[in-house]
Structure formats: C-alpha cells, structure tokens
C-alpha cells in the first residue's frame, strides 16, 4: 500500500517540477504511471525499515511517512541528476528510517503495537537444587 499519492506529490512539489522529472508524452505533462511506480518503490523502501518495528500495513498512514515517501519518490524520479537539496532530503529520510527501525524515533502510538520490545523472563522453581554447598563453602 503506497504511503503517498500522485496528488501528495503535486501538493508538495508542484505540477511543473513533476512534469519535468516524470515527463509524459508532452512537455511538462506528468506521466502518472511513472510517478505511481516511484511511489510504490518508495513505499517498499520505507516498509523495509518500518516493518522491522511495526506490523504492516500501517493504517492510518502516519503523515511522517507520507512526507518521507514523497521525498524518496522525488529523489528516484530524478535518477542520477538530483539537485543537492533533493539528495539531502533523501538522505535525511534514510537516516530517519534507520532511527525508526532502531526504535530511537517513533511513529507514535500504534494501536496494539508496543513501541518498545517487551521481554518476558520466566523462572522455573523446583525442589531439587542444581548446585549444593560443600562443607568447605564451595559448590558441587
């Protein structure tokens, strides 16, 4: 499930820029299929990080991940010609996703999902001791 839509991309970056980096059959006309593929790839990349800490799919989609998906898709649409600002934003998103995977950044409270791994310790008690004290104070 994509974390962002074509309209999210247009709202953030404008039709003109998208028309230039995802050009369709006419000049500055957006190739919607190309943008959708970039958004699907961005969502898969995000899932690779987020899925280590949260059950997928996420519903509702956190706004933080919508922004992240747009930045990743934009970077991918530029191919090898991404301007410095676009590259920096992508690197910021990648860093944030690593922090989410490590648990140092949270997506907020997710219903039914612990944000901190829970550890359960079980101790079994029996009447028979595994070690016994020797008369000289040592264990046998």
Protein backbone atom coordinates (compact mmCIF):
# COMPACT_ATOMS: atom_id res chain seq x y z
CA UNK A 1 0.00 0.00 0.00
CA UNK A 2 1.63 3.31 -1.06
CA UNK A 3 2.22 5.86 1.67
CA UNK A 4 1.59 8.77 -0.71
CA UNK A 5 -0.36 9.57 -3.85
CA UNK A 6 0.26 11.49 -7.05
CA UNK A 7 -1.77 14.34 -5.56
CA UNK A 8 0.51 14.38 -2.47
CA UNK A 9 3.48 14.76 -4.83
CA UNK A 10 1.77 17.59 -6.75
CA UNK A 11 0.85 19.36 -3.50
CA UNK A 12 4.43 19.19 -2.23
CA UNK A 13 6.48 19.80 -5.38
CA UNK A 14 4.11 21.28 -7.95
CA UNK A 15 2.93 20.11 -11.35
CA UNK A 16 5.75 21.87 -13.16
CA UNK A 17 8.57 20.03 -11.38
CA UNK A 18 6.79 16.68 -11.65
CA UNK A 19 6.15 17.34 -15.33
CA UNK A 20 9.88 17.85 -15.79
CA UNK A 21 11.13 14.83 -13.83
CA UNK A 22 8.31 12.44 -14.81
CA UNK A 23 7.62 13.77 -18.29
CA UNK A 24 4.84 12.11 -20.23
CA UNK A 25 4.14 12.25 -23.95
CA UNK A 26 4.06 16.05 -23.99
CA UNK A 27 6.45 18.56 -22.43
CA UNK A 28 5.74 19.13 -18.71
CA UNK A 29 2.82 16.67 -18.72
CA UNK A 30 3.12 14.26 -15.80
CA UNK A 31 3.49 10.56 -16.57
CA UNK A 32 1.21 9.35 -13.75
CA UNK A 33 2.29 5.72 -14.16
CA UNK A 34 5.94 6.64 -13.66
CA UNK A 35 5.11 8.64 -10.52
CA UNK A 36 2.98 5.78 -9.15
CA UNK A 37 5.87 3.34 -9.71
CA UNK A 38 8.26 5.69 -7.91
CA UNK A 39 5.79 5.97 -5.02
CA UNK A 40 5.40 2.18 -4.86
CA UNK A 41 9.20 1.79 -4.80
CA UNK A 42 9.45 4.44 -2.07
CA UNK A 43 6.78 2.66 -0.01
CA UNK A 44 8.64 -0.65 -0.37
CA UNK A 45 11.86 1.02 0.79
CA UNK A 46 10.05 2.51 3.80
CA UNK A 47 8.46 -0.87 4.63
CA UNK A 48 11.93 -2.40 4.72
CA UNK A 49 12.78 -0.18 7.68
CA UNK A 50 9.42 0.31 9.39
CA UNK A 51 8.45 -3.36 9.09
CA UNK A 52 11.24 -4.33 11.48
CA UNK A 53 9.46 -2.48 14.28
CA UNK A 54 5.76 -2.18 13.32
CA UNK A 55 3.30 -4.66 11.81
CA UNK A 56 2.46 -3.86 8.21
CA UNK A 57 0.40 -2.46 6.56
CA UNK A 58 0.14 0.71 8.62
CA UNK A 59 -3.35 2.14 8.81
CA UNK A 60 -3.84 5.01 9.06
CA UNK A 61 -0.65 6.14 7.35
CA UNK A 62 1.37 8.48 9.59
CA UNK A 63 1.91 11.91 8.00
CA UNK A 64 5.63 11.47 8.64
CA UNK A 65 5.69 8.53 6.21
CA UNK A 66 3.65 10.38 3.57
CA UNK A 67 6.30 13.11 3.54
CA UNK A 68 9.06 10.51 3.52
CA UNK A 69 7.51 8.64 0.58
CA UNK A 70 7.23 11.87 -1.42
CA UNK A 71 10.89 12.76 -0.79
CA UNK A 72 12.10 9.26 -1.71
CA UNK A 73 9.96 9.10 -4.86
CA UNK A 74 11.12 12.58 -5.93
CA UNK A 75 14.76 11.54 -5.49
CA UNK A 76 14.18 8.36 -7.52
CA UNK A 77 12.42 10.27 -10.31
CA UNK A 78 15.49 12.48 -10.76
CA UNK A 79 17.60 9.37 -11.46
CA UNK A 80 21.27 10.45 -11.41
CA UNK A 81 20.57 14.17 -11.87
CA UNK A 82 19.10 15.01 -8.44
CA UNK A 83 19.91 18.52 -7.21
CA UNK A 84 21.75 18.84 -3.89
CA UNK A 85 18.56 19.75 -1.96
CA UNK A 86 16.70 16.68 -3.28
CA UNK A 87 19.63 14.40 -2.45
CA UNK A 88 19.96 15.89 1.05
CA UNK A 89 16.24 15.41 1.73
CA UNK A 90 16.50 11.78 0.62
CA UNK A 91 19.48 11.21 2.93
CA UNK A 92 17.56 12.82 5.81
CA UNK A 93 14.66 10.43 5.20
CA UNK A 94 17.01 7.42 5.06
CA UNK A 95 18.57 8.49 8.38
CA UNK A 96 15.13 8.93 9.95
CA UNK A 97 14.02 5.49 8.72
CA UNK A 98 17.11 3.90 10.28
CA UNK A 99 16.20 5.59 13.57
CA UNK A 100 12.64 4.27 13.31
CA UNK A 101 13.99 0.76 12.74
CA UNK A 102 16.32 1.14 15.75
CA UNK A 103 13.48 2.44 17.91
CA UNK A 104 15.02 5.86 18.62
CA UNK A 105 12.28 7.57 16.56
CA UNK A 106 8.65 6.54 16.98
CA UNK A 107 5.70 6.71 14.64
CA UNK A 108 3.62 7.43 17.71
CA UNK A 109 1.27 5.13 19.49
CA UNK A 110 0.04 2.42 17.14
CA UNK A 111 -3.00 0.51 18.43
CA UNK A 112 -1.95 -2.90 19.73
CA UNK A 113 1.73 -2.38 18.93
CA UNK A 114 4.40 -1.95 21.59
CA UNK A 115 6.88 0.80 20.75
CA UNK A 116 9.50 -0.89 22.94
CA UNK A 117 10.20 -4.58 22.60
CA UNK A 118 8.80 -6.45 25.57
CA UNK A 119 10.94 -9.04 27.29
CA UNK A 120 9.35 -11.73 29.39
CA UNK A 121 11.51 -13.54 31.89
CA UNK A 122 10.38 -16.90 33.16
CA UNK A 123 11.87 -18.56 36.21
CA UNK A 124 11.11 -22.18 36.98
CA UNK A 125 11.40 -23.28 40.59
CA UNK A 126 11.83 -26.85 41.62
CA UNK A 127 12.50 -28.58 44.86
CA UNK A 128 15.82 -30.03 43.66
CA UNK A 129 18.83 -27.78 43.76
CA UNK A 130 21.20 -27.88 40.81
CA UNK A 131 24.18 -26.90 42.94
CA UNK A 132 24.73 -27.70 46.61
CA UNK A 133 27.17 -26.14 49.03
CA UNK A 134 30.05 -28.23 50.13
CA UNK A 135 31.15 -28.16 53.75
CA UNK A 136 34.22 -26.11 52.76
CA UNK A 137 31.98 -23.37 51.22
CA UNK A 138 32.39 -24.27 47.54
CA UNK A 139 29.75 -25.57 45.14
CA UNK A 140 29.42 -29.09 43.82
